[in-house]
PDB file of N, CA and C in Angstrom:
ATOM      1  N   MET A   1      23.426  43.149  18.864  1.00  0.00           N
ATOM      2  CA  MET A   1      24.109  41.950  18.427  1.00  0.00           C
ATOM      3  C   MET A   1      24.851  41.359  19.619  1.00  0.00           C
ATOM      4  N   GLN A   2      24.887  40.062  19.673  1.00  0.00           N
ATOM      5  CA  GLN A   2      25.502  39.382  20.808  1.00  0.00           C
ATOM      6  C   GLN A   2      26.725  38.624  20.326  1.00  0.00           C
ATOM      7  N   MET A   3      27.798  38.750  21.057  1.00  0.00           N
ATOM      8  CA  MET A   3      29.018  38.018  20.745  1.00  0.00           C
ATOM      9  C   MET A   3      28.938  36.653  21.423  1.00  0.00           C
ATOM     10  N   LEU A   4      29.239  35.628  20.677  1.00  0.00           N
ATOM     11  CA  LEU A   4      29.193  34.287  21.222  1.00  0.00           C
ATOM     12  C   LEU A   4      30.577  33.874  21.701  1.00  0.00           C
ATOM     13  N   GLY A   5      30.617  33.274  22.837  1.00  0.00           N
ATOM     14  CA  GLY A   5      31.878  32.783  23.379  1.00  0.00           C
ATOM     15  C   GLY A   5      32.244  31.452  22.751  1.00  0.00           C
ATOM     16  N   ASP A   6      33.201  30.771  23.359  1.00  0.00           N
ATOM     17  CA  ASP A   6      33.638  29.472  22.854  1.00  0.00           C
ATOM     18  C   ASP A   6      32.503  28.452  22.897  1.00  0.00           C
ATOM     19  N   LYS A   7      31.744  28.464  23.954  1.00  0.00           N
ATOM     20  CA  LYS A   7      30.617  27.539  24.088  1.00  0.00           C
ATOM     21  C   LYS A   7      29.337  28.351  24.121  1.00  0.00           C
ATOM     22  N   SER A   8      28.550  28.246  23.100  1.00  0.00           N
ATOM     23  CA  SER A   8      27.283  28.968  23.079  1.00  0.00           C
ATOM     24  C   SER A   8      26.146  27.970  23.196  1.00  0.00           C
ATOM     25  N   GLU A   9      24.962  28.505  23.331  1.00  0.00           N
ATOM     26  CA  GLU A   9      23.811  27.608  23.409  1.00  0.00           C
ATOM     27  C   GLU A   9      23.557  26.919  22.082  1.00  0.00           C
ATOM     28  N   ASN A  10      24.191  27.387  21.004  1.00  0.00           N
ATOM     29  CA  ASN A  10      24.034  26.757  19.693  1.00  0.00           C
ATOM     30  C   ASN A  10      24.944  25.542  19.528  1.00  0.00           C
ATOM     31  N   ASP A  11      25.848  25.337  20.456  1.00  0.00           N
ATOM     32  CA  ASP A  11      26.765  24.204  20.379  1.00  0.00           C
ATOM     33  C   ASP A  11      26.159  22.990  21.059  1.00  0.00           C
ATOM     34  N   VAL A  12      25.184  22.408  20.444  1.00  0.00           N
ATOM     35  CA  VAL A  12      24.552  21.205  20.975  1.00  0.00           C
ATOM     36  C   VAL A  12      24.984  20.052  20.085  1.00  0.00           C
ATOM     37  N   GLU A  13      25.514  19.034  20.707  1.00  0.00           N
ATOM     38  CA  GLU A  13      25.993  17.894  19.942  1.00  0.00           C
ATOM     39  C   GLU A  13      24.807  17.047  19.470  1.00  0.00           C
ATOM     40  N   VAL A  14      24.853  16.683  18.208  1.00  0.00           N
ATOM     41  CA  VAL A  14      23.796  15.871  17.612  1.00  0.00           C
ATOM     42  C   VAL A  14      24.304  14.436  17.541  1.00  0.00           C
ATOM     43  N   SER A  15      23.677  13.559  18.298  1.00  0.00           N
ATOM     44  CA  SER A  15      24.080  12.154  18.295  1.00  0.00           C
ATOM     45  C   SER A  15      23.441  11.434  17.110  1.00  0.00           C
ATOM     46  N   TRP A  16      23.894  10.216  16.902  1.00  0.00           N
ATOM     47  CA  TRP A  16      23.338   9.396  15.823  1.00  0.00           C
ATOM     48  C   TRP A  16      21.838   9.185  16.029  1.00  0.00           C
ATOM     49  N   ALA A  17      21.429   8.919  17.247  1.00  0.00           N
ATOM     50  CA  ALA A  17      20.010   8.708  17.561  1.00  0.00           C
ATOM     51  C   ALA A  17      19.211   9.986  17.299  1.00  0.00           C
ATOM     52  N   ASP A  18      19.795  11.144  17.634  1.00  0.00           N
ATOM     53  CA  ASP A  18      19.117  12.416  17.362  1.00  0.00           C
ATOM     54  C   ASP A  18      18.934  12.615  15.863  1.00  0.00           C
ATOM     55  N   GLN A  19      19.972  12.321  15.112  1.00  0.00           N
ATOM     56  CA  GLN A  19      19.886  12.480  13.658  1.00  0.00           C
ATOM     57  C   GLN A  19      18.819  11.549  13.087  1.00  0.00           C
ATOM     58  N   GLN A  20      18.712  10.353  13.635  1.00  0.00           N
ATOM     59  CA  GLN A  20      17.683   9.423  13.179  1.00  0.00           C
ATOM     60  C   GLN A  20      16.285   9.973  13.473  1.00  0.00           C
ATOM     61  N   ARG A  21      16.114  10.607  14.637  1.00  0.00           N
ATOM     62  CA  ARG A  21      14.824  11.228  14.968  1.00  0.00           C
ATOM     63  C   ARG A  21      14.507  12.372  14.008  1.00  0.00           C
ATOM     64  N   ILE A  22      15.514  13.179  13.711  1.00  0.00           N
ATOM     65  CA  ILE A  22      15.327  14.297  12.778  1.00  0.00           C
ATOM     66  C   ILE A  22      14.939  13.763  11.401  1.00  0.00           C
ATOM     67  N   ASN A  23      15.625  12.728  10.948  1.00  0.00           N
ATOM     68  CA  ASN A  23      15.318  12.128   9.645  1.00  0.00           C
ATOM     69  C   ASN A  23      13.910  11.536   9.627  1.00  0.00           C
ATOM     70  N   ARG A  24      13.543  10.876  10.721  1.00  0.00           N
ATOM     71  CA  ARG A  24      12.204  10.280  10.806  1.00  0.00           C
ATOM     72  C   ARG A  24      11.140  11.369  10.763  1.00  0.00           C
ATOM     73  N   PHE A  25      11.373  12.474  11.481  1.00  0.00           N
ATOM     74  CA  PHE A  25      10.433  13.598  11.456  1.00  0.00           C
ATOM     75  C   PHE A  25      10.294  14.132  10.034  1.00  0.00           C
ATOM     76  N   SER A  26      11.404  14.258   9.342  1.00  0.00           N
ATOM     77  CA  SER A  26      11.378  14.763   7.968  1.00  0.00           C
ATOM     78  C   SER A  26      10.573  13.845   7.049  1.00  0.00           C
ATOM     79  N   ARG A  27      10.773  12.541   7.197  1.00  0.00           N
ATOM     80  CA  ARG A  27      10.020  11.587   6.374  1.00  0.00           C
ATOM     81  C   ARG A  27       8.528  11.647   6.690  1.00  0.00           C
ATOM     82  N   LEU A  28       8.187  11.735   7.979  1.00  0.00           N
ATOM     83  CA  LEU A  28       6.783  11.831   8.376  1.00  0.00           C
ATOM     84  C   LEU A  28       6.148  13.107   7.822  1.00  0.00           C
ATOM     85  N   HIS A  29       6.888  14.199   7.883  1.00  0.00           N
ATOM     86  CA  HIS A  29       6.365  15.470   7.377  1.00  0.00           C
ATOM     87  C   HIS A  29       6.138  15.407   5.864  1.00  0.00           C
ATOM     88  N   ALA A  30       7.078  14.805   5.138  1.00  0.00           N
ATOM     89  CA  ALA A  30       6.927  14.660   3.690  1.00  0.00           C
ATOM     90  C   ALA A  30       5.726  13.776   3.357  1.00  0.00           C
ATOM     91  N   ARG A  31       5.582  12.695   4.094  1.00  0.00           N
ATOM     92  CA  ARG A  31       4.446  11.796   3.865  1.00  0.00           C
ATOM     93  C   ARG A  31       3.132  12.493   4.200  1.00  0.00           C
ATOM     94  N   PHE A  32       3.123  13.252   5.291  1.00  0.00           N
ATOM     95  CA  PHE A  32       1.939  14.006   5.687  1.00  0.00           C
ATOM     96  C   PHE A  32       1.533  14.961   4.572  1.00  0.00           C
ATOM     97  N   SER A  33       2.493  15.670   4.005  1.00  0.00           N
ATOM     98  CA  SER A  33       2.203  16.619   2.926  1.00  0.00           C
ATOM     99  C   SER A  33       1.642  15.912   1.692  1.00  0.00           C
ATOM    100  N   ASP A  34       2.237  14.772   1.345  1.00  0.00           N
ATOM    101  CA  ASP A  34       1.751  14.005   0.186  1.00  0.00           C
ATOM    102  C   ASP A  34       0.329  13.513   0.412  1.00  0.00           C
ATOM    103  N   VAL A  35       0.078  12.973   1.585  1.00  0.00           N
ATOM    104  CA  VAL A  35      -1.250  12.446   1.900  1.00  0.00           C
ATOM    105  C   VAL A  35      -2.267  13.578   1.952  1.00  0.00           C
ATOM    106  N   GLU A  36      -1.848  14.735   2.449  1.00  0.00           N
ATOM    107  CA  GLU A  36      -2.744  15.888   2.513  1.00  0.00           C
ATOM    108  C   GLU A  36      -3.212  16.303   1.111  1.00  0.00           C
ATOM    109  N   GLU A  37      -2.280  16.308   0.154  1.00  0.00           N
ATOM    110  CA  GLU A  37      -2.645  16.634  -1.230  1.00  0.00           C
ATOM    111  C   GLU A  37      -3.574  15.576  -1.819  1.00  0.00           C
ATOM    112  N   GLU A  38      -3.254  14.313  -1.573  1.00  0.00           N
ATOM    113  CA  GLU A  38      -4.102  13.234  -2.078  1.00  0.00           C
ATOM    114  C   GLU A  38      -5.491  13.299  -1.458  1.00  0.00           C
ATOM    115  N   LEU A  39      -5.554  13.648  -0.189  1.00  0.00           N
ATOM    116  CA  LEU A  39      -6.834  13.765   0.509  1.00  0.00           C
ATOM    117  C   LEU A  39      -7.685  14.871  -0.118  1.00  0.00           C
ATOM    118  N   LYS A  40      -7.076  15.981  -0.456  1.00  0.00           N
ATOM    119  CA  LYS A  40      -7.809  17.066  -1.121  1.00  0.00           C
ATOM    120  C   LYS A  40      -8.381  16.588  -2.450  1.00  0.00           C
ATOM    121  N   ALA A  41      -7.575  15.859  -3.213  1.00  0.00           N
ATOM    122  CA  ALA A  41      -8.031  15.348  -4.503  1.00  0.00           C
ATOM    123  C   ALA A  41      -9.183  14.360  -4.326  1.00  0.00           C
ATOM    124  N   ARG A  42      -9.082  13.491  -3.332  1.00  0.00           N
ATOM    125  CA  ARG A  42     -10.141  12.506  -3.079  1.00  0.00           C
ATOM    126  C   ARG A  42     -11.419  13.177  -2.594  1.00  0.00           C
ATOM    127  N   ARG A  43     -11.300  14.242  -1.807  1.00  0.00           N
ATOM    128  CA  ARG A  43     -12.497  14.965  -1.368  1.00  0.00           C
ATOM    129  C   ARG A  43     -13.200  15.599  -2.561  1.00  0.00           C
ATOM    130  N   THR A  44     -12.420  16.152  -3.477  1.00  0.00           N
ATOM    131  CA  THR A  44     -12.998  16.728  -4.693  1.00  0.00           C
ATOM    132  C   THR A  44     -13.704  15.645  -5.500  1.00  0.00           C
ATOM    133  N   GLU A  45     -13.059  14.498  -5.615  1.00  0.00           N
ATOM    134  CA  GLU A  45     -13.654  13.364  -6.341  1.00  0.00           C
ATOM    135  C   GLU A  45     -14.955  12.935  -5.671  1.00  0.00           C
ATOM    136  N   ARG A  46     -14.962  12.907  -4.352  1.00  0.00           N
ATOM    137  CA  ARG A  46     -16.161  12.503  -3.601  1.00  0.00           C
ATOM    138  C   ARG A  46     -17.298  13.494  -3.834  1.00  0.00           C
ATOM    139  N   GLU A  47     -16.986  14.790  -3.860  1.00  0.00           N
ATOM    140  CA  GLU A  47     -18.000  15.806  -4.135  1.00  0.00           C
ATOM    141  C   GLU A  47     -18.562  15.647  -5.554  1.00  0.00           C
ATOM    142  N   GLU A  48     -17.695  15.315  -6.490  1.00  0.00           N
ATOM    143  CA  GLU A  48     -18.138  15.099  -7.862  1.00  0.00           C
ATOM    144  C   GLU A  48     -19.074  13.898  -7.956  1.00  0.00           C
ATOM    145  N   LEU A  49     -18.789  12.860  -7.173  1.00  0.00           N
ATOM    146  CA  LEU A  49     -19.668  11.690  -7.153  1.00  0.00           C
ATOM    147  C   LEU A  49     -21.050  12.059  -6.604  1.00  0.00           C
ATOM    148  N   GLU A  50     -21.072  12.910  -5.577  1.00  0.00           N
ATOM    149  CA  GLU A  50     -22.359  13.360  -5.031  1.00  0.00           C
ATOM    150  C   GLU A  50     -23.146  14.135  -6.081  1.00  0.00           C
ATOM    151  N   ASP A  51     -22.447  15.023  -6.801  1.00  0.00           N
ATOM    152  CA  ASP A  51     -23.105  15.796  -7.859  1.00  0.00           C
ATOM    153  C   ASP A  51     -23.634  14.873  -8.952  1.00  0.00           C
ATOM    154  N   LEU A  52     -22.854  13.880  -9.305  1.00  0.00           N
ATOM    155  CA  LEU A  52     -23.272  12.927 -10.327  1.00  0.00           C
ATOM    156  C   LEU A  52     -24.518  12.174  -9.875  1.00  0.00           C
ATOM    157  N   GLY A  53     -24.567  11.818  -8.610  1.00  0.00           N
ATOM    158  CA  GLY A  53     -25.737  11.114  -8.084  1.00  0.00           C
ATOM    159  C   GLY A  53     -27.001  11.938  -8.236  1.00  0.00           C
ATOM    160  N   MET A  54     -26.900  13.225  -7.941  1.00  0.00           N
ATOM    161  CA  MET A  54     -28.076  14.095  -8.095  1.00  0.00           C
ATOM    162  C   MET A  54     -28.496  14.187  -9.558  1.00  0.00           C
ATOM    163  N   GLU A  55     -27.518  14.284 -10.447  1.00  0.00           N
ATOM    164  CA  GLU A  55     -27.826  14.369 -11.879  1.00  0.00           C
ATOM    165  C   GLU A  55     -28.470  13.081 -12.387  1.00  0.00           C
ATOM    166  N   LEU A  56     -27.956  11.949 -11.948  1.00  0.00           N
ATOM    167  CA  LEU A  56     -28.494  10.664 -12.398  1.00  0.00           C
ATOM    168  C   LEU A  56     -29.938  10.465 -11.937  1.00  0.00           C
ATOM    169  N   GLU A  57     -30.237  10.930 -10.745  1.00  0.00           N
ATOM    170  CA  GLU A  57     -31.588  10.754 -10.227  1.00  0.00           C
ATOM    171  C   GLU A  57     -32.609  11.620 -10.969  1.00  0.00           C
ATOM    172  N   LEU A  58     -32.147  12.668 -11.619  1.00  0.00           N
ATOM    173  CA  LEU A  58     -33.053  13.537 -12.368  1.00  0.00           C
ATOM    174  C   LEU A  58     -33.419  12.977 -13.747  1.00  0.00           C
ATOM    175  N   LEU A  59     -32.669  11.990 -14.201  1.00  0.00           N
ATOM    176  CA  LEU A  59     -32.935  11.406 -15.520  1.00  0.00           C
ATOM    177  C   LEU A  59     -34.168  10.504 -15.473  1.00  0.00           C
ATOM    178  N   ASN A  60     -34.749  10.283 -16.639  1.00  0.00           N
ATOM    179  CA  ASN A  60     -35.958   9.446 -16.745  1.00  0.00           C
ATOM    180  C   ASN A  60     -35.628   8.131 -17.430  1.00  0.00           C
ATOM    181  N   ASP A  61     -35.104   7.191 -16.685  1.00  0.00           N
ATOM    182  CA  ASP A  61     -34.782   5.853 -17.199  1.00  0.00           C
ATOM    183  C   ASP A  61     -34.112   5.894 -18.560  1.00  0.00           C
ATOM    184  N   GLU A  62     -33.084   6.677 -18.669  1.00  0.00           N
ATOM    185  CA  GLU A  62     -32.326   6.781 -19.908  1.00  0.00           C
ATOM    186  C   GLU A  62     -31.025   6.004 -19.769  1.00  0.00           C
ATOM    187  N   ARG A  63     -30.400   5.736 -20.893  1.00  0.00           N
ATOM    188  CA  ARG A  63     -29.055   5.166 -20.871  1.00  0.00           C
ATOM    189  C   ARG A  63     -28.088   6.318 -20.663  1.00  0.00           C
ATOM    190  N   VAL A  64     -27.063   6.059 -19.897  1.00  0.00           N
ATOM    191  CA  VAL A  64     -26.072   7.087 -19.610  1.00  0.00           C
ATOM    192  C   VAL A  64     -24.679   6.549 -19.886  1.00  0.00           C
ATOM    193  N   LEU A  65     -23.749   7.451 -20.090  1.00  0.00           N
ATOM    194  CA  LEU A  65     -22.348   7.073 -20.206  1.00  0.00           C
ATOM    195  C   LEU A  65     -21.723   7.240 -18.824  1.00  0.00           C
ATOM    196  N   TYR A  66     -21.168   6.158 -18.313  1.00  0.00           N
ATOM    197  CA  TYR A  66     -20.575   6.169 -16.977  1.00  0.00           C
ATOM    198  C   TYR A  66     -19.086   5.895 -17.126  1.00  0.00           C
ATOM    199  N   LYS A  67     -18.264   6.719 -16.499  1.00  0.00           N
ATOM    200  CA  LYS A  67     -16.815   6.592 -16.615  1.00  0.00           C
ATOM    201  C   LYS A  67     -16.303   5.505 -15.674  1.00  0.00           C
ATOM    202  N   VAL A  68     -15.623   4.533 -16.258  1.00  0.00           N
ATOM    203  CA  VAL A  68     -14.982   3.463 -15.499  1.00  0.00           C
ATOM    204  C   VAL A  68     -13.516   3.483 -15.900  1.00  0.00           C
ATOM    205  N   GLY A  69     -12.667   3.919 -14.999  1.00  0.00           N
ATOM    206  CA  GLY A  69     -11.244   4.063 -15.330  1.00  0.00           C
ATOM    207  C   GLY A  69     -11.067   5.192 -16.323  1.00  0.00           C
ATOM    208  N   GLU A  70     -10.541   4.866 -17.479  1.00  0.00           N
ATOM    209  CA  GLU A  70     -10.331   5.862 -18.523  1.00  0.00           C
ATOM    210  C   GLU A  70     -11.369   5.768 -19.634  1.00  0.00           C
ATOM    211  N   ALA A  71     -12.301   4.850 -19.524  1.00  0.00           N
ATOM    212  CA  ALA A  71     -13.293   4.633 -20.579  1.00  0.00           C
ATOM    213  C   ALA A  71     -14.696   4.950 -20.079  1.00  0.00           C
ATOM    214  N   TYR A  72     -15.582   5.237 -21.021  1.00  0.00           N
ATOM    215  CA  TYR A  72     -16.988   5.465 -20.706  1.00  0.00           C
ATOM    216  C   TYR A  72     -17.788   4.268 -21.201  1.00  0.00           C
ATOM    217  N   ILE A  73     -18.687   3.794 -20.354  1.00  0.00           N
ATOM    218  CA  ILE A  73     -19.509   2.633 -20.671  1.00  0.00           C
ATOM    219  C   ILE A  73     -20.965   3.070 -20.658  1.00  0.00           C
ATOM    220  N   SER A  74     -21.699   2.646 -21.672  1.00  0.00           N
ATOM    221  CA  SER A  74     -23.119   2.949 -21.728  1.00  0.00           C
ATOM    222  C   SER A  74     -23.862   1.942 -20.860  1.00  0.00           C
ATOM    223  N   MET A  75     -24.708   2.471 -19.947  1.00  0.00           N
ATOM    224  CA  MET A  75     -25.472   1.589 -19.069  1.00  0.00           C
ATOM    225  C   MET A  75     -26.796   2.241 -18.712  1.00  0.00           C
ATOM    226  N   GLU A  76     -27.706   1.424 -18.225  1.00  0.00           N
ATOM    227  CA  GLU A  76     -29.009   1.917 -17.797  1.00  0.00           C
ATOM    228  C   GLU A  76     -28.830   2.802 -16.565  1.00  0.00           C
ATOM    229  N   GLN A  77     -29.799   3.664 -16.347  1.00  0.00           N
ATOM    230  CA  GLN A  77     -29.744   4.596 -15.222  1.00  0.00           C
ATOM    231  C   GLN A  77     -29.615   3.855 -13.887  1.00  0.00           C
ATOM    232  N   GLN A  78     -30.413   2.819 -13.675  1.00  0.00           N
ATOM    233  CA  GLN A  78     -30.375   2.073 -12.413  1.00  0.00           C
ATOM    234  C   GLN A  78     -29.024   1.398 -12.197  1.00  0.00           C
ATOM    235  N   GLU A  79     -28.485   0.850 -13.272  1.00  0.00           N
ATOM    236  CA  GLU A  79     -27.172   0.221 -13.191  1.00  0.00           C
ATOM    237  C   GLU A  79     -26.098   1.266 -12.860  1.00  0.00           C
ATOM    238  N   ALA A  80     -26.224   2.441 -13.452  1.00  0.00           N
ATOM    239  CA  ALA A  80     -25.284   3.523 -13.177  1.00  0.00           C
ATOM    240  C   ALA A  80     -25.392   3.973 -11.722  1.00  0.00           C
ATOM    241  N   LEU A  81     -26.607   4.028 -11.187  1.00  0.00           N
ATOM    242  CA  LEU A  81     -26.802   4.397  -9.788  1.00  0.00           C
ATOM    243  C   LEU A  81     -26.162   3.378  -8.847  1.00  0.00           C
ATOM    244  N   MET A  82     -26.287   2.094  -9.186  1.00  0.00           N
ATOM    245  CA  MET A  82     -25.656   1.050  -8.363  1.00  0.00           C
ATOM    246  C   MET A  82     -24.134   1.170  -8.430  1.00  0.00           C
ATOM    247  N   GLN A  83     -23.605   1.420  -9.628  1.00  0.00           N
ATOM    248  CA  GLN A  83     -22.161   1.582  -9.786  1.00  0.00           C
ATOM    249  C   GLN A  83     -21.678   2.816  -9.015  1.00  0.00           C
ATOM    250  N   LEU A  84     -22.470   3.871  -9.072  1.00  0.00           N
ATOM    251  CA  LEU A  84     -22.142   5.096  -8.348  1.00  0.00           C
ATOM    252  C   LEU A  84     -22.106   4.848  -6.840  1.00  0.00           C
ATOM    253  N   GLU A  85     -23.032   4.044  -6.350  1.00  0.00           N
ATOM    254  CA  GLU A  85     -23.066   3.713  -4.924  1.00  0.00           C
ATOM    255  C   GLU A  85     -21.789   2.979  -4.518  1.00  0.00           C
ATOM    256  N   GLN A  86     -21.355   2.038  -5.358  1.00  0.00           N
ATOM    257  CA  GLN A  86     -20.120   1.304  -5.075  1.00  0.00           C
ATOM    258  C   GLN A  86     -18.913   2.237  -5.106  1.00  0.00           C
ATOM    259  N   ASP A  87     -18.880   3.121  -6.105  1.00  0.00           N
ATOM    260  CA  ASP A  87     -17.766   4.059  -6.217  1.00  0.00           C
ATOM    261  C   ASP A  87     -17.735   5.020  -5.034  1.00  0.00           C
ATOM    262  N   THR A  88     -18.906   5.414  -4.558  1.00  0.00           N
ATOM    263  CA  THR A  88     -18.989   6.313  -3.416  1.00  0.00           C
ATOM    264  C   THR A  88     -18.485   5.626  -2.153  1.00  0.00           C
ATOM    265  N   LYS A  89     -18.861   4.371  -1.945  1.00  0.00           N
ATOM    266  CA  LYS A  89     -18.368   3.613  -0.790  1.00  0.00           C
ATOM    267  C   LYS A  89     -16.850   3.485  -0.843  1.00  0.00           C
ATOM    268  N   GLN A  90     -16.350   3.197  -2.033  1.00  0.00           N
ATOM    269  CA  GLN A  90     -14.910   3.051  -2.208  1.00  0.00           C
ATOM    270  C   GLN A  90     -14.192   4.384  -1.921  1.00  0.00           C
ATOM    271  N   ALA A  91     -14.767   5.483  -2.382  1.00  0.00           N
ATOM    272  CA  ALA A  91     -14.182   6.803  -2.128  1.00  0.00           C
ATOM    273  C   ALA A  91     -14.192   7.108  -0.633  1.00  0.00           C
ATOM    274  N   ASP A  92     -15.267   6.758   0.046  1.00  0.00           N
ATOM    275  CA  ASP A  92     -15.356   6.974   1.494  1.00  0.00           C
ATOM    276  C   ASP A  92     -14.285   6.175   2.231  1.00  0.00           C
ATOM    277  N   GLN A  93     -14.074   4.942   1.809  1.00  0.00           N
ATOM    278  CA  GLN A  93     -13.050   4.099   2.426  1.00  0.00           C
ATOM    279  C   GLN A  93     -11.661   4.689   2.213  1.00  0.00           C
ATOM    280  N   GLN A  94     -11.411   5.192   1.009  1.00  0.00           N
ATOM    281  CA  GLN A  94     -10.121   5.816   0.734  1.00  0.00           C
ATOM    282  C   GLN A  94      -9.922   7.058   1.591  1.00  0.00           C
ATOM    283  N   LEU A  95     -10.977   7.851   1.733  1.00  0.00           N
ATOM    284  CA  LEU A  95     -10.889   9.047   2.578  1.00  0.00           C
ATOM    285  C   LEU A  95     -10.576   8.677   4.021  1.00  0.00           C
ATOM    286  N   GLU A  96     -11.239   7.653   4.526  1.00  0.00           N
ATOM    287  CA  GLU A  96     -10.993   7.184   5.893  1.00  0.00           C
ATOM    288  C   GLU A  96      -9.556   6.716   6.070  1.00  0.00           C
ATOM    289  N   ARG A  97      -9.076   5.951   5.088  1.00  0.00           N
ATOM    290  CA  ARG A  97      -7.715   5.428   5.148  1.00  0.00           C
ATOM    291  C   ARG A  97      -6.710   6.575   5.151  1.00  0.00           C
ATOM    292  N   LEU A  98      -6.912   7.556   4.273  1.00  0.00           N
ATOM    293  CA  LEU A  98      -5.993   8.686   4.194  1.00  0.00           C
ATOM    294  C   LEU A  98      -6.013   9.528   5.465  1.00  0.00           C
ATOM    295  N   GLN A  99      -7.193   9.701   6.038  1.00  0.00           N
ATOM    296  CA  GLN A  99      -7.286  10.453   7.293  1.00  0.00           C
ATOM    297  C   GLN A  99      -6.558   9.712   8.410  1.00  0.00           C
ATOM    298  N   GLY A 100      -6.653   8.396   8.398  1.00  0.00           N
ATOM    299  CA  GLY A 100      -5.924   7.596   9.387  1.00  0.00           C
ATOM    300  C   GLY A 100      -4.420   7.741   9.232  1.00  0.00           C
ATOM    301  N   VAL A 101      -3.947   7.739   7.998  1.00  0.00           N
ATOM    302  CA  VAL A 101      -2.515   7.910   7.749  1.00  0.00           C
ATOM    303  C   VAL A 101      -2.063   9.285   8.224  1.00  0.00           C
ATOM    304  N   MET A 102      -2.874  10.304   7.941  1.00  0.00           N
ATOM    305  CA  MET A 102      -2.526  11.656   8.391  1.00  0.00           C
ATOM    306  C   MET A 102      -2.452  11.734   9.915  1.00  0.00           C
ATOM    307  N   GLU A 103      -3.397  11.099  10.586  1.00  0.00           N
ATOM    308  CA  GLU A 103      -3.391  11.104  12.053  1.00  0.00           C
ATOM    309  C   GLU A 103      -2.157  10.388  12.602  1.00  0.00           C
ATOM    310  N   GLU A 104      -1.772   9.278  11.970  1.00  0.00           N
ATOM    311  CA  GLU A 104      -0.564   8.562  12.388  1.00  0.00           C
ATOM    312  C   GLU A 104       0.663   9.453  12.234  1.00  0.00           C
ATOM    313  N   CYS A 105       0.747  10.149  11.103  1.00  0.00           N
ATOM    314  CA  CYS A 105       1.883  11.039  10.865  1.00  0.00           C
ATOM    315  C   CYS A 105       1.905  12.166  11.893  1.00  0.00           C
ATOM    316  N   GLU A 106       0.747  12.763  12.158  1.00  0.00           N
ATOM    317  CA  GLU A 106       0.677  13.846  13.135  1.00  0.00           C
ATOM    318  C   GLU A 106       1.106  13.373  14.516  1.00  0.00           C
ATOM    319  N   THR A 107       0.647  12.192  14.913  1.00  0.00           N
ATOM    320  CA  THR A 107       1.007  11.645  16.217  1.00  0.00           C
ATOM    321  C   THR A 107       2.516  11.431  16.305  1.00  0.00           C
ATOM    322  N   GLY A 108       3.081  10.838  15.265  1.00  0.00           N
ATOM    323  CA  GLY A 108       4.525  10.603  15.241  1.00  0.00           C
ATOM    324  C   GLY A 108       5.314  11.895  15.269  1.00  0.00           C
ATOM    325  N   MET A 109       4.868  12.900  14.512  1.00  0.00           N
ATOM    326  CA  MET A 109       5.572  14.180  14.485  1.00  0.00           C
ATOM    327  C   MET A 109       5.490  14.881  15.839  1.00  0.00           C
ATOM    328  N   LYS A 110       4.327  14.825  16.487  1.00  0.00           N
ATOM    329  CA  LYS A 110       4.182  15.454  17.807  1.00  0.00           C
ATOM    330  C   LYS A 110       5.134  14.823  18.814  1.00  0.00           C
ATOM    331  N   GLN A 111       5.203  13.498  18.789  1.00  0.00           N
ATOM    332  CA  GLN A 111       6.081  12.796  19.720  1.00  0.00           C
ATOM    333  C   GLN A 111       7.544  13.172  19.463  1.00  0.00           C
ATOM    334  N   LEU A 112       7.929  13.200  18.193  1.00  0.00           N
ATOM    335  CA  LEU A 112       9.307  13.546  17.865  1.00  0.00           C
ATOM    336  C   LEU A 112       9.619  15.003  18.206  1.00  0.00           C
ATOM    337  N   LYS A 113       8.642  15.887  18.025  1.00  0.00           N
ATOM    338  CA  LYS A 113       8.851  17.298  18.386  1.00  0.00           C
ATOM    339  C   LYS A 113       9.168  17.426  19.869  1.00  0.00           C
ATOM    340  N   VAL A 114       8.415  16.711  20.686  1.00  0.00           N
ATOM    341  CA  VAL A 114       8.644  16.761  22.128  1.00  0.00           C
ATOM    342  C   VAL A 114      10.063  16.304  22.443  1.00  0.00           C
ATOM    343  N   GLU A 115      10.470  15.196  21.857  1.00  0.00           N
ATOM    344  CA  GLU A 115      11.806  14.660  22.110  1.00  0.00           C
ATOM    345  C   GLU A 115      12.895  15.610  21.627  1.00  0.00           C
ATOM    346  N   LEU A 116      12.704  16.154  20.431  1.00  0.00           N
ATOM    347  CA  LEU A 116      13.729  17.026  19.859  1.00  0.00           C
ATOM    348  C   LEU A 116      13.799  18.374  20.579  1.00  0.00           C
ATOM    349  N   TYR A 117      12.649  18.932  20.928  1.00  0.00           N
ATOM    350  CA  TYR A 117      12.659  20.194  21.665  1.00  0.00           C
ATOM    351  C   TYR A 117      13.257  20.019  23.050  1.00  0.00           C
ATOM    352  N   ALA A 118      13.065  18.847  23.657  1.00  0.00           N
ATOM    353  CA  ALA A 118      13.631  18.591  24.967  1.00  0.00           C
ATOM    354  C   ALA A 118      15.153  18.643  24.923  1.00  0.00           C
ATOM    355  N   LYS A 119      15.717  18.157  23.825  1.00  0.00           N
ATOM    356  CA  LYS A 119      17.185  18.145  23.726  1.00  0.00           C
ATOM    357  C   LYS A 119      17.742  19.427  23.148  1.00  0.00           C
ATOM    358  N   PHE A 120      17.101  19.952  22.091  1.00  0.00           N
ATOM    359  CA  PHE A 120      17.691  21.070  21.356  1.00  0.00           C
ATOM    360  C   PHE A 120      17.071  22.423  21.701  1.00  0.00           C
ATOM    361  N   GLY A 121      15.934  22.433  22.369  1.00  0.00           N
ATOM    362  CA  GLY A 121      15.301  23.674  22.777  1.00  0.00           C
ATOM    363  C   GLY A 121      15.079  24.643  21.626  1.00  0.00           C
ATOM    364  N   SER A 122      15.585  25.870  21.813  1.00  0.00           N
ATOM    365  CA  SER A 122      15.349  26.921  20.816  1.00  0.00           C
ATOM    366  C   SER A 122      16.271  26.814  19.606  1.00  0.00           C
ATOM    367  N   ASN A 123      17.135  25.826  19.563  1.00  0.00           N
ATOM    368  CA  ASN A 123      18.029  25.652  18.412  1.00  0.00           C
ATOM    369  C   ASN A 123      17.341  25.038  17.215  1.00  0.00           C
ATOM    370  N   ILE A 124      16.092  24.684  17.370  1.00  0.00           N
ATOM    371  CA  ILE A 124      15.321  24.081  16.276  1.00  0.00           C
ATOM    372  C   ILE A 124      14.561  25.179  15.566  1.00  0.00           C
ATOM    373  N   SER A 125      14.692  25.204  14.240  1.00  0.00           N
ATOM    374  CA  SER A 125      13.914  26.174  13.474  1.00  0.00           C
ATOM    375  C   SER A 125      12.663  25.467  12.947  1.00  0.00           C
ATOM    376  N   THR A 126      11.525  26.123  13.096  1.00  0.00           N
ATOM    377  CA  THR A 126      10.277  25.519  12.643  1.00  0.00           C
ATOM    378  C   THR A 126       9.705  26.257  11.478  1.00  0.00           C
TER     379      THR A 126
END
């Protein structure tokens, strides 16, 4: 055990600007976590759309029930395939957007980590 004197390495003054950086890092981390969960859900949805596409192609020109929002609509197989294509494109766009948001958050957090570690060194708990 080490006895600390009057001034220890833990006595680092936190300025207003430092606190703002810490708060910004916290917000970025929270947003990153939220987007990460949403991204997992969207990937699952995208996989389900792929599975649905395979199932639809196996049908023989039958009418199918296709889920739109919270309701199911009866439509021809070809119409359902076209709707599925649109939904798949939309899911891909959402995945791209979410990945971009995650990358922005990661970039911001990395930059803030460098700044905060430069000032506070080992006084930061990760």
